[in-house]
Amino acid sequence: MTIFNNRGIWPAWLWMFLLALLLGWLPFLGPAIAGFVGGLTAGDTRSALIASLIPSVIVAGVLLVLGSVVGVPILAAIAGAGLLVILVVASLPLVAGAFIGGMVSERRVIR
């Protein structure tokens, strides 16, 4: 029996999100560790990379929706797109860790 019984994008995203919050005080290693664990949970490289980008898309989408509700949809769209680019670039250690974790998970034999 293995620890990672639930595999896929959503459990991987949850692990990455929680560990990134808990290990946020480590500048590069915290997100990299979170990405690695999430990549192992994802089960393959494609799922790990998708799961590593979900938090950035959610935060940018929330900003877009909140800005549209307040009444400045054009400004919200610009701010949401800019924040998405910043978050994706800032999460490069998370994406790198997810890629490595997904590669390791593909090579690991689960019994």
PDB file of N, CA and C in Angstrom:
ATOM      1  N   MET A   1       0.845  -1.179   0.000  1.00  0.00           N
ATOM      2  CA  MET A   1       0.000   0.000   0.000  1.00  0.00           C
ATOM      3  C   MET A   1       0.886   1.236   0.000  1.00  0.00           C
ATOM      4  N   THR A   2       0.518   2.203  -0.752  1.00  0.00           N
ATOM      5  CA  THR A   2       1.314   3.417  -0.888  1.00  0.00           C
ATOM      6  C   THR A   2       0.566   4.620  -0.322  1.00  0.00           C
ATOM      7  N   ILE A   3       1.294   5.663  -0.017  1.00  0.00           N
ATOM      8  CA  ILE A   3       0.696   6.876   0.533  1.00  0.00           C
ATOM      9  C   ILE A   3      -0.157   7.567  -0.518  1.00  0.00           C
ATOM     10  N   PHE A   4       0.270   7.551  -1.761  1.00  0.00           N
ATOM     11  CA  PHE A   4      -0.396   8.294  -2.826  1.00  0.00           C
ATOM     12  C   PHE A   4      -1.454   7.440  -3.518  1.00  0.00           C
ATOM     13  N   ASN A   5      -2.541   7.136  -2.805  1.00  0.00           N
ATOM     14  CA  ASN A   5      -3.614   6.349  -3.414  1.00  0.00           C
ATOM     15  C   ASN A   5      -4.419   7.183  -4.397  1.00  0.00           C
ATOM     16  N   ASN A   6      -4.682   8.409  -4.056  1.00  0.00           N
ATOM     17  CA  ASN A   6      -5.439   9.290  -4.944  1.00  0.00           C
ATOM     18  C   ASN A   6      -4.477   9.997  -5.878  1.00  0.00           C
ATOM     19  N   ARG A   7      -4.594   9.703  -7.154  1.00  0.00           N
ATOM     20  CA  ARG A   7      -3.719  10.316  -8.141  1.00  0.00           C
ATOM     21  C   ARG A   7      -4.559  11.138  -9.101  1.00  0.00           C
ATOM     22  N   GLY A   8      -3.945  12.166  -9.641  1.00  0.00           N
ATOM     23  CA  GLY A   8      -4.641  12.998 -10.611  1.00  0.00           C
ATOM     24  C   GLY A   8      -4.339  14.465 -10.385  1.00  0.00           C
ATOM     25  N   ILE A   9      -5.000  15.284 -11.167  1.00  0.00           N
ATOM     26  CA  ILE A   9      -4.721  16.717 -11.140  1.00  0.00           C
ATOM     27  C   ILE A   9      -5.219  17.364  -9.852  1.00  0.00           C
ATOM     28  N   TRP A  10      -6.434  17.035  -9.405  1.00  0.00           N
ATOM     29  CA  TRP A  10      -6.992  17.741  -8.251  1.00  0.00           C
ATOM     30  C   TRP A  10      -6.303  17.400  -6.942  1.00  0.00           C
ATOM     31  N   PRO A  11      -5.986  16.147  -6.637  1.00  0.00           N
ATOM     32  CA  PRO A  11      -5.208  15.910  -5.407  1.00  0.00           C
ATOM     33  C   PRO A  11      -3.814  16.533  -5.483  1.00  0.00           C
ATOM     34  N   ALA A  12      -3.216  16.532  -6.673  1.00  0.00           N
ATOM     35  CA  ALA A  12      -1.885  17.131  -6.838  1.00  0.00           C
ATOM     36  C   ALA A  12      -1.950  18.632  -6.616  1.00  0.00           C
ATOM     37  N   TRP A  13      -2.984  19.275  -7.153  1.00  0.00           N
ATOM     38  CA  TRP A  13      -3.138  20.712  -6.971  1.00  0.00           C
ATOM     39  C   TRP A  13      -3.306  21.050  -5.499  1.00  0.00           C
ATOM     40  N   LEU A  14      -4.074  20.254  -4.784  1.00  0.00           N
ATOM     41  CA  LEU A  14      -4.284  20.508  -3.359  1.00  0.00           C
ATOM     42  C   LEU A  14      -2.985  20.373  -2.580  1.00  0.00           C
ATOM     43  N   TRP A  15      -2.210  19.325  -2.865  1.00  0.00           N
ATOM     44  CA  TRP A  15      -0.910  19.161  -2.197  1.00  0.00           C
ATOM     45  C   TRP A  15       0.014  20.333  -2.502  1.00  0.00           C
ATOM     46  N   MET A  16       0.066  20.741  -3.764  1.00  0.00           N
ATOM     47  CA  MET A  16       0.940  21.857  -4.131  1.00  0.00           C
ATOM     48  C   MET A  16       0.518  23.142  -3.441  1.00  0.00           C
ATOM     49  N   PHE A  17      -0.771  23.401  -3.400  1.00  0.00           N
ATOM     50  CA  PHE A  17      -1.273  24.619  -2.791  1.00  0.00           C
ATOM     51  C   PHE A  17      -0.975  24.654  -1.298  1.00  0.00           C
ATOM     52  N   LEU A  18      -1.286  23.579  -0.601  1.00  0.00           N
ATOM     53  CA  LEU A  18      -1.072  23.552   0.844  1.00  0.00           C
ATOM     54  C   LEU A  18       0.412  23.599   1.210  1.00  0.00           C
ATOM     55  N   LEU A  19       1.221  22.820   0.524  1.00  0.00           N
ATOM     56  CA  LEU A  19       2.652  22.821   0.834  1.00  0.00           C
ATOM     57  C   LEU A  19       3.318  24.135   0.444  1.00  0.00           C
ATOM     58  N   ALA A  20       2.865  24.757  -0.634  1.00  0.00           N
ATOM     59  CA  ALA A  20       3.430  26.058  -1.000  1.00  0.00           C
ATOM     60  C   ALA A  20       3.098  27.101   0.060  1.00  0.00           C
ATOM     61  N   LEU A  21       1.904  27.024   0.643  1.00  0.00           N
ATOM     62  CA  LEU A  21       1.559  27.938   1.737  1.00  0.00           C
ATOM     63  C   LEU A  21       2.406  27.676   2.975  1.00  0.00           C
ATOM     64  N   LEU A  22       2.580  26.401   3.313  1.00  0.00           N
ATOM     65  CA  LEU A  22       3.336  26.051   4.517  1.00  0.00           C
ATOM     66  C   LEU A  22       4.835  26.282   4.367  1.00  0.00           C
ATOM     67  N   LEU A  23       5.355  26.080   3.173  1.00  0.00           N
ATOM     68  CA  LEU A  23       6.793  26.223   2.941  1.00  0.00           C
ATOM     69  C   LEU A  23       7.134  27.531   2.235  1.00  0.00           C
ATOM     70  N   GLY A  24       6.259  28.488   2.285  1.00  0.00           N
ATOM     71  CA  GLY A  24       6.475  29.763   1.612  1.00  0.00           C
ATOM     72  C   GLY A  24       7.641  30.559   2.161  1.00  0.00           C
ATOM     73  N   TRP A  25       8.083  30.257   3.356  1.00  0.00           N
ATOM     74  CA  TRP A  25       9.197  30.985   3.963  1.00  0.00           C
ATOM     75  C   TRP A  25      10.543  30.544   3.379  1.00  0.00           C
ATOM     76  N   LEU A  26      10.575  29.454   2.633  1.00  0.00           N
ATOM     77  CA  LEU A  26      11.793  29.031   1.933  1.00  0.00           C
ATOM     78  C   LEU A  26      11.735  29.599   0.518  1.00  0.00           C
ATOM     79  N   PRO A  27      12.612  30.528   0.158  1.00  0.00           N
ATOM     80  CA  PRO A  27      12.464  31.260  -1.109  1.00  0.00           C
ATOM     81  C   PRO A  27      12.359  30.398  -2.360  1.00  0.00           C
ATOM     82  N   PHE A  28      13.236  29.468  -2.594  1.00  0.00           N
ATOM     83  CA  PHE A  28      13.182  28.671  -3.812  1.00  0.00           C
ATOM     84  C   PHE A  28      12.790  27.231  -3.506  1.00  0.00           C
ATOM     85  N   LEU A  29      13.273  26.711  -2.388  1.00  0.00           N
ATOM     86  CA  LEU A  29      13.058  25.305  -2.060  1.00  0.00           C
ATOM     87  C   LEU A  29      11.618  24.986  -1.677  1.00  0.00           C
ATOM     88  N   GLY A  30      10.919  25.928  -1.041  1.00  0.00           N
ATOM     89  CA  GLY A  30       9.542  25.676  -0.631  1.00  0.00           C
ATOM     90  C   GLY A  30       8.634  25.328  -1.801  1.00  0.00           C
ATOM     91  N   PRO A  31       8.553  26.192  -2.816  1.00  0.00           N
ATOM     92  CA  PRO A  31       7.724  25.840  -3.979  1.00  0.00           C
ATOM     93  C   PRO A  31       8.246  24.628  -4.752  1.00  0.00           C
ATOM     94  N   ALA A  32       9.565  24.451  -4.781  1.00  0.00           N
ATOM     95  CA  ALA A  32      10.114  23.291  -5.489  1.00  0.00           C
ATOM     96  C   ALA A  32       9.714  21.989  -4.794  1.00  0.00           C
ATOM     97  N   ILE A  33       9.754  21.971  -3.464  1.00  0.00           N
ATOM     98  CA  ILE A  33       9.335  20.786  -2.713  1.00  0.00           C
ATOM     99  C   ILE A  33       7.840  20.550  -2.913  1.00  0.00           C
ATOM    100  N   ALA A  34       7.054  21.617  -2.850  1.00  0.00           N
ATOM    101  CA  ALA A  34       5.612  21.495  -3.061  1.00  0.00           C
ATOM    102  C   ALA A  34       5.319  20.943  -4.455  1.00  0.00           C
ATOM    103  N   GLY A  35       6.029  21.427  -5.448  1.00  0.00           N
ATOM    104  CA  GLY A  35       5.841  20.932  -6.807  1.00  0.00           C
ATOM    105  C   GLY A  35       6.249  19.476  -6.960  1.00  0.00           C
ATOM    106  N   PHE A  36       7.334  19.085  -6.296  1.00  0.00           N
ATOM    107  CA  PHE A  36       7.787  17.698  -6.375  1.00  0.00           C
ATOM    108  C   PHE A  36       6.760  16.745  -5.770  1.00  0.00           C
ATOM    109  N   VAL A  37       6.263  17.087  -4.592  1.00  0.00           N
ATOM    110  CA  VAL A  37       5.252  16.240  -3.940  1.00  0.00           C
ATOM    111  C   VAL A  37       3.966  16.207  -4.770  1.00  0.00           C
ATOM    112  N   GLY A  38       3.573  17.363  -5.299  1.00  0.00           N
ATOM    113  CA  GLY A  38       2.397  17.395  -6.165  1.00  0.00           C
ATOM    114  C   GLY A  38       2.601  16.593  -7.439  1.00  0.00           C
ATOM    115  N   GLY A  39       3.819  16.638  -7.981  1.00  0.00           N
ATOM    116  CA  GLY A  39       4.122  15.850  -9.176  1.00  0.00           C
ATOM    117  C   GLY A  39       4.055  14.359  -8.909  1.00  0.00           C
ATOM    118  N   LEU A  40       4.527  13.941  -7.732  1.00  0.00           N
ATOM    119  CA  LEU A  40       4.400  12.531  -7.363  1.00  0.00           C
ATOM    120  C   LEU A  40       2.935  12.139  -7.228  1.00  0.00           C
ATOM    121  N   THR A  41       2.145  13.028  -6.666  1.00  0.00           N
ATOM    122  CA  THR A  41       0.723  12.752  -6.485  1.00  0.00           C
ATOM    123  C   THR A  41      -0.012  12.727  -7.820  1.00  0.00           C
ATOM    124  N   ALA A  42       0.417  13.559  -8.750  1.00  0.00           N
ATOM    125  CA  ALA A  42      -0.265  13.630 -10.051  1.00  0.00           C
ATOM    126  C   ALA A  42      -0.149  12.323 -10.817  1.00  0.00           C
ATOM    127  N   GLY A  43       0.982  11.691 -10.750  1.00  0.00           N
ATOM    128  CA  GLY A  43       1.141  10.405 -11.420  1.00  0.00           C
ATOM    129  C   GLY A  43       1.830  10.465 -12.764  1.00  0.00           C
ATOM    130  N   ASP A  44       1.755  11.571 -13.463  1.00  0.00           N
ATOM    131  CA  ASP A  44       2.485  11.717 -14.718  1.00  0.00           C
ATOM    132  C   ASP A  44       2.844  13.183 -14.917  1.00  0.00           C
ATOM    133  N   THR A  45       3.712  13.424 -15.876  1.00  0.00           N
ATOM    134  CA  THR A  45       4.261  14.759 -16.072  1.00  0.00           C
ATOM    135  C   THR A  45       3.206  15.750 -16.564  1.00  0.00           C
ATOM    136  N   ARG A  46       2.353  15.339 -17.472  1.00  0.00           N
ATOM    137  CA  ARG A  46       1.342  16.241 -18.011  1.00  0.00           C
ATOM    138  C   ARG A  46       0.384  16.713 -16.919  1.00  0.00           C
ATOM    139  N   SER A  47      -0.093  15.790 -16.119  1.00  0.00           N
ATOM    140  CA  SER A  47      -1.003  16.153 -15.031  1.00  0.00           C
ATOM    141  C   SER A  47      -0.311  17.041 -14.003  1.00  0.00           C
ATOM    142  N   ALA A  48       0.965  16.771 -13.734  1.00  0.00           N
ATOM    143  CA  ALA A  48       1.714  17.574 -12.765  1.00  0.00           C
ATOM    144  C   ALA A  48       1.875  19.004 -13.249  1.00  0.00           C
ATOM    145  N   LEU A  49       2.167  19.194 -14.527  1.00  0.00           N
ATOM    146  CA  LEU A  49       2.331  20.545 -15.061  1.00  0.00           C
ATOM    147  C   LEU A  49       1.002  21.307 -15.086  1.00  0.00           C
ATOM    148  N   ILE A  50      -0.074  20.621 -15.408  1.00  0.00           N
ATOM    149  CA  ILE A  50      -1.385  21.271 -15.378  1.00  0.00           C
ATOM    150  C   ILE A  50      -1.740  21.668 -13.953  1.00  0.00           C
ATOM    151  N   ALA A  51      -1.499  20.772 -13.008  1.00  0.00           N
ATOM    152  CA  ALA A  51      -1.821  21.057 -11.605  1.00  0.00           C
ATOM    153  C   ALA A  51      -0.981  22.199 -11.049  1.00  0.00           C
ATOM    154  N   SER A  52       0.228  22.384 -11.543  1.00  0.00           N
ATOM    155  CA  SER A  52       1.075  23.455 -11.027  1.00  0.00           C
ATOM    156  C   SER A  52       0.636  24.828 -11.519  1.00  0.00           C
ATOM    157  N   LEU A  53      -0.113  24.890 -12.613  1.00  0.00           N
ATOM    158  CA  LEU A  53      -0.575  26.173 -13.135  1.00  0.00           C
ATOM    159  C   LEU A  53      -1.973  26.554 -12.668  1.00  0.00           C
ATOM    160  N   ILE A  54      -2.704  25.625 -12.098  1.00  0.00           N
ATOM    161  CA  ILE A  54      -4.077  25.897 -11.663  1.00  0.00           C
ATOM    162  C   ILE A  54      -4.152  27.016 -10.630  1.00  0.00           C
ATOM    163  N   PRO A  55      -3.291  27.060  -9.594  1.00  0.00           N
ATOM    164  CA  PRO A  55      -3.421  28.159  -8.616  1.00  0.00           C
ATOM    165  C   PRO A  55      -3.255  29.545  -9.246  1.00  0.00           C
ATOM    166  N   SER A  56      -2.349  29.688 -10.180  1.00  0.00           N
ATOM    167  CA  SER A  56      -2.156  30.987 -10.841  1.00  0.00           C
ATOM    168  C   SER A  56      -3.390  31.394 -11.633  1.00  0.00           C
ATOM    169  N   VAL A  57      -3.979  30.457 -12.332  1.00  0.00           N
ATOM    170  CA  VAL A  57      -5.173  30.746 -13.119  1.00  0.00           C
ATOM    171  C   VAL A  57      -6.348  31.102 -12.209  1.00  0.00           C
ATOM    172  N   ILE A  58      -6.475  30.417 -11.081  1.00  0.00           N
ATOM    173  CA  ILE A  58      -7.576  30.696 -10.159  1.00  0.00           C
ATOM    174  C   ILE A  58      -7.447  32.094  -9.561  1.00  0.00           C
ATOM    175  N   VAL A  59      -6.239  32.460  -9.120  1.00  0.00           N
ATOM    176  CA  VAL A  59      -6.050  33.791  -8.524  1.00  0.00           C
ATOM    177  C   VAL A  59      -6.317  34.885  -9.559  1.00  0.00           C
ATOM    178  N   ALA A  60      -5.818  34.731 -10.769  1.00  0.00           N
ATOM    179  CA  ALA A  60      -6.066  35.737 -11.810  1.00  0.00           C
ATOM    180  C   ALA A  60      -7.545  35.794 -12.175  1.00  0.00           C
ATOM    181  N   GLY A  61      -8.213  34.661 -12.211  1.00  0.00           N
ATOM    182  CA  GLY A  61      -9.647  34.639 -12.511  1.00  0.00           C
ATOM    183  C   GLY A  61     -10.475  35.308 -11.422  1.00  0.00           C
ATOM    184  N   VAL A  62     -10.098  35.086 -10.158  1.00  0.00           N
ATOM    185  CA  VAL A  62     -10.806  35.737  -9.053  1.00  0.00           C
ATOM    186  C   VAL A  62     -10.636  37.253  -9.147  1.00  0.00           C
ATOM    187  N   LEU A  63      -9.435  37.710  -9.469  1.00  0.00           N
ATOM    188  CA  LEU A  63      -9.213  39.142  -9.627  1.00  0.00           C
ATOM    189  C   LEU A  63     -10.050  39.700 -10.777  1.00  0.00           C
ATOM    190  N   LEU A  64     -10.138  38.980 -11.866  1.00  0.00           N
ATOM    191  CA  LEU A  64     -10.947  39.413 -13.003  1.00  0.00           C
ATOM    192  C   LEU A  64     -12.424  39.498 -12.630  1.00  0.00           C
ATOM    193  N   VAL A  65     -12.932  38.482 -11.938  1.00  0.00           N
ATOM    194  CA  VAL A  65     -14.342  38.477 -11.543  1.00  0.00           C
ATOM    195  C   VAL A  65     -14.629  39.592 -10.540  1.00  0.00           C
ATOM    196  N   LEU A  66     -13.761  39.763  -9.543  1.00  0.00           N
ATOM    197  CA  LEU A  66     -13.979  40.817  -8.557  1.00  0.00           C
ATOM    198  C   LEU A  66     -13.935  42.207  -9.192  1.00  0.00           C
ATOM    199  N   GLY A  67     -13.008  42.407 -10.110  1.00  0.00           N
ATOM    200  CA  GLY A  67     -12.937  43.687 -10.801  1.00  0.00           C
ATOM    201  C   GLY A  67     -14.149  43.943 -11.673  1.00  0.00           C
ATOM    202  N   SER A  68     -14.667  42.901 -12.278  1.00  0.00           N
ATOM    203  CA  SER A  68     -15.858  43.061 -13.121  1.00  0.00           C
ATOM    204  C   SER A  68     -17.090  43.353 -12.274  1.00  0.00           C
ATOM    205  N   VAL A  69     -17.168  42.733 -11.100  1.00  0.00           N
ATOM    206  CA  VAL A  69     -18.310  42.965 -10.222  1.00  0.00           C
ATOM    207  C   VAL A  69     -18.290  44.390  -9.685  1.00  0.00           C
ATOM    208  N   VAL A  70     -17.107  44.902  -9.380  1.00  0.00           N
ATOM    209  CA  VAL A  70     -16.990  46.257  -8.852  1.00  0.00           C
ATOM    210  C   VAL A  70     -17.368  47.282  -9.922  1.00  0.00           C
ATOM    211  N   GLY A  71     -17.115  46.994 -11.175  1.00  0.00           N
ATOM    212  CA  GLY A  71     -17.534  47.901 -12.224  1.00  0.00           C
ATOM    213  C   GLY A  71     -16.427  48.398 -13.123  1.00  0.00           C
ATOM    214  N   VAL A  72     -15.254  47.817 -13.048  1.00  0.00           N
ATOM    215  CA  VAL A  72     -14.145  48.218 -13.911  1.00  0.00           C
ATOM    216  C   VAL A  72     -13.650  47.002 -14.701  1.00  0.00           C
ATOM    217  N   PRO A  73     -14.455  46.477 -15.632  1.00  0.00           N
ATOM    218  CA  PRO A  73     -14.090  45.229 -16.304  1.00  0.00           C
ATOM    219  C   PRO A  73     -12.849  45.332 -17.183  1.00  0.00           C
ATOM    220  N   ILE A  74     -12.622  46.448 -17.840  1.00  0.00           N
ATOM    221  CA  ILE A  74     -11.440  46.568 -18.706  1.00  0.00           C
ATOM    222  C   ILE A  74     -10.180  46.604 -17.856  1.00  0.00           C
ATOM    223  N   LEU A  75     -10.202  47.393 -16.796  1.00  0.00           N
ATOM    224  CA  LEU A  75      -9.064  47.445 -15.887  1.00  0.00           C
ATOM    225  C   LEU A  75      -8.850  46.088 -15.211  1.00  0.00           C
ATOM    226  N   ALA A  76      -9.935  45.407 -14.866  1.00  0.00           N
ATOM    227  CA  ALA A  76      -9.820  44.088 -14.246  1.00  0.00           C
ATOM    228  C   ALA A  76      -9.225  43.074 -15.214  1.00  0.00           C
ATOM    229  N   ALA A  77      -9.593  43.150 -16.486  1.00  0.00           N
ATOM    230  CA  ALA A  77      -9.034  42.232 -17.476  1.00  0.00           C
ATOM    231  C   ALA A  77      -7.540  42.460 -17.649  1.00  0.00           C
ATOM    232  N   ILE A  78      -7.136  43.708 -17.683  1.00  0.00           N
ATOM    233  CA  ILE A  78      -5.710  44.019 -17.823  1.00  0.00           C
ATOM    234  C   ILE A  78      -4.947  43.578 -16.578  1.00  0.00           C
ATOM    235  N   ALA A  79      -5.497  43.881 -15.409  1.00  0.00           N
ATOM    236  CA  ALA A  79      -4.834  43.493 -14.164  1.00  0.00           C
ATOM    237  C   ALA A  79      -4.805  41.979 -14.012  1.00  0.00           C
ATOM    238  N   GLY A  80      -5.882  41.292 -14.383  1.00  0.00           N
ATOM    239  CA  GLY A  80      -5.924  39.834 -14.295  1.00  0.00           C
ATOM    240  C   GLY A  80      -4.912  39.174 -15.214  1.00  0.00           C
ATOM    241  N   ALA A  81      -4.787  39.679 -16.431  1.00  0.00           N
ATOM    242  CA  ALA A  81      -3.811  39.118 -17.372  1.00  0.00           C
ATOM    243  C   ALA A  81      -2.388  39.393 -16.912  1.00  0.00           C
ATOM    244  N   GLY A  82      -2.142  40.600 -16.415  1.00  0.00           N
ATOM    245  CA  GLY A  82      -0.810  40.916 -15.909  1.00  0.00           C
ATOM    246  C   GLY A  82      -0.451  40.092 -14.696  1.00  0.00           C
ATOM    247  N   LEU A  83      -1.404  39.921 -13.797  1.00  0.00           N
ATOM    248  CA  LEU A  83      -1.151  39.105 -12.610  1.00  0.00           C
ATOM    249  C   LEU A  83      -0.929  37.655 -12.986  1.00  0.00           C
ATOM    250  N   LEU A  84      -1.640  37.158 -13.984  1.00  0.00           N
ATOM    251  CA  LEU A  84      -1.440  35.778 -14.426  1.00  0.00           C
ATOM    252  C   LEU A  84      -0.008  35.573 -14.912  1.00  0.00           C
ATOM    253  N   VAL A  85       0.512  36.510 -15.691  1.00  0.00           N
ATOM    254  CA  VAL A  85       1.890  36.402 -16.184  1.00  0.00           C
ATOM    255  C   VAL A  85       2.869  36.439 -15.019  1.00  0.00           C
ATOM    256  N   ILE A  86       2.656  37.349 -14.078  1.00  0.00           N
ATOM    257  CA  ILE A  86       3.547  37.452 -12.922  1.00  0.00           C
ATOM    258  C   ILE A  86       3.507  36.179 -12.086  1.00  0.00           C
ATOM    259  N   LEU A  87       2.314  35.634 -11.859  1.00  0.00           N
ATOM    260  CA  LEU A  87       2.190  34.421 -11.053  1.00  0.00           C
ATOM    261  C   LEU A  87       2.812  33.211 -11.735  1.00  0.00           C
ATOM    262  N   VAL A  88       2.657  33.114 -13.042  1.00  0.00           N
ATOM    263  CA  VAL A  88       3.257  31.981 -13.752  1.00  0.00           C
ATOM    264  C   VAL A  88       4.781  32.058 -13.692  1.00  0.00           C
ATOM    265  N   VAL A  89       5.335  33.254 -13.873  1.00  0.00           N
ATOM    266  CA  VAL A  89       6.791  33.403 -13.792  1.00  0.00           C
ATOM    267  C   VAL A  89       7.278  33.162 -12.366  1.00  0.00           C
ATOM    268  N   ALA A  90       6.525  33.640 -11.382  1.00  0.00           N
ATOM    269  CA  ALA A  90       6.929  33.459  -9.988  1.00  0.00           C
ATOM    270  C   ALA A  90       6.811  32.011  -9.539  1.00  0.00           C
ATOM    271  N   SER A  91       5.977  31.235 -10.222  1.00  0.00           N
ATOM    272  CA  SER A  91       5.816  29.839  -9.818  1.00  0.00           C
ATOM    273  C   SER A  91       6.708  28.890 -10.616  1.00  0.00           C
ATOM    274  N   LEU A  92       7.765  29.397 -11.222  1.00  0.00           N
ATOM    275  CA  LEU A  92       8.682  28.526 -11.966  1.00  0.00           C
ATOM    276  C   LEU A  92       9.310  27.432 -11.101  1.00  0.00           C
ATOM    277  N   PRO A  93       9.704  27.703  -9.830  1.00  0.00           N
ATOM    278  CA  PRO A  93      10.195  26.591  -9.007  1.00  0.00           C
ATOM    279  C   PRO A  93       9.130  25.519  -8.775  1.00  0.00           C
ATOM    280  N   LEU A  94       7.882  25.929  -8.622  1.00  0.00           N
ATOM    281  CA  LEU A  94       6.787  24.978  -8.446  1.00  0.00           C
ATOM    282  C   LEU A  94       6.615  24.130  -9.704  1.00  0.00           C
ATOM    283  N   VAL A  95       6.679  24.762 -10.865  1.00  0.00           N
ATOM    284  CA  VAL A  95       6.534  24.044 -12.131  1.00  0.00           C
ATOM    285  C   VAL A  95       7.721  23.093 -12.339  1.00  0.00           C
ATOM    286  N   ALA A  96       8.925  23.547 -12.018  1.00  0.00           N
ATOM    287  CA  ALA A  96      10.106  22.682 -12.157  1.00  0.00           C
ATOM    288  C   ALA A  96      10.014  21.484 -11.225  1.00  0.00           C
ATOM    289  N   GLY A  97       9.599  21.720  -9.984  1.00  0.00           N
ATOM    290  CA  GLY A  97       9.418  20.613  -9.040  1.00  0.00           C
ATOM    291  C   GLY A  97       8.335  19.661  -9.499  1.00  0.00           C
ATOM    292  N   ALA A  98       7.247  20.198 -10.055  1.00  0.00           N
ATOM    293  CA  ALA A  98       6.169  19.349 -10.556  1.00  0.00           C
ATOM    294  C   ALA A  98       6.646  18.499 -11.729  1.00  0.00           C
ATOM    295  N   PHE A  99       7.451  19.085 -12.594  1.00  0.00           N
ATOM    296  CA  PHE A  99       7.981  18.329 -13.737  1.00  0.00           C
ATOM    297  C   PHE A  99       8.857  17.174 -13.261  1.00  0.00           C
ATOM    298  N   ILE A 100       9.745  17.454 -12.333  1.00  0.00           N
ATOM    299  CA  ILE A 100      10.635  16.401 -11.815  1.00  0.00           C
ATOM    300  C   ILE A 100       9.833  15.345 -11.067  1.00  0.00           C
ATOM    301  N   GLY A 101       8.870  15.781 -10.237  1.00  0.00           N
ATOM    302  CA  GLY A 101       8.036  14.823  -9.517  1.00  0.00           C
ATOM    303  C   GLY A 101       7.210  13.955 -10.448  1.00  0.00           C
ATOM    304  N   GLY A 102       6.697  14.536 -11.522  1.00  0.00           N
ATOM    305  CA  GLY A 102       5.944  13.754 -12.504  1.00  0.00           C
ATOM    306  C   GLY A 102       6.818  12.741 -13.224  1.00  0.00           C
ATOM    307  N   MET A 103       8.050  13.147 -13.540  1.00  0.00           N
ATOM    308  CA  MET A 103       8.979  12.207 -14.191  1.00  0.00           C
ATOM    309  C   MET A 103       9.322  11.046 -13.263  1.00  0.00           C
ATOM    310  N   VAL A 104       9.576  11.356 -11.994  1.00  0.00           N
ATOM    311  CA  VAL A 104       9.905  10.307 -11.022  1.00  0.00           C
ATOM    312  C   VAL A 104       8.703   9.385 -10.826  1.00  0.00           C
ATOM    313  N   SER A 105       7.499   9.964 -10.770  1.00  0.00           N
ATOM    314  CA  SER A 105       6.295   9.184 -10.564  1.00  0.00           C
ATOM    315  C   SER A 105       6.018   8.239 -11.734  1.00  0.00           C
ATOM    316  N   GLU A 106       6.327   8.665 -12.954  1.00  0.00           N
ATOM    317  CA  GLU A 106       6.146   7.810 -14.120  1.00  0.00           C
ATOM    318  C   GLU A 106       7.086   6.612 -14.091  1.00  0.00           C
ATOM    319  N   ARG A 107       8.262   6.795 -13.527  1.00  0.00           N
ATOM    320  CA  ARG A 107       9.256   5.730 -13.498  1.00  0.00           C
ATOM    321  C   ARG A 107       9.068   4.792 -12.309  1.00  0.00           C
ATOM    322  N   ARG A 108       8.317   5.240 -11.309  1.00  0.00           N
ATOM    323  CA  ARG A 108       8.131   4.458 -10.085  1.00  0.00           C
ATOM    324  C   ARG A 108       7.104   3.365 -10.308  1.00  0.00           C
ATOM    325  N   VAL A 109       7.370   2.191  -9.783  1.00  0.00           N
ATOM    326  CA  VAL A 109       6.436   1.077  -9.903  1.00  0.00           C
ATOM    327  C   VAL A 109       5.555   1.074  -8.657  1.00  0.00           C
ATOM    328  N   ILE A 110       4.247   1.120  -8.873  1.00  0.00           N
ATOM    329  CA  ILE A 110       3.299   1.116  -7.770  1.00  0.00           C
ATOM    330  C   ILE A 110       2.685  -0.262  -7.663  1.00  0.00           C
ATOM    331  N   ARG A 111       2.770  -0.850  -6.489  1.00  0.00           N
ATOM    332  CA  ARG A 111       2.225  -2.203  -6.288  1.00  0.00           C
ATOM    333  C   ARG A 111       1.123  -2.196  -5.293  1.00  0.00           C
TER     334      ARG A 111
END
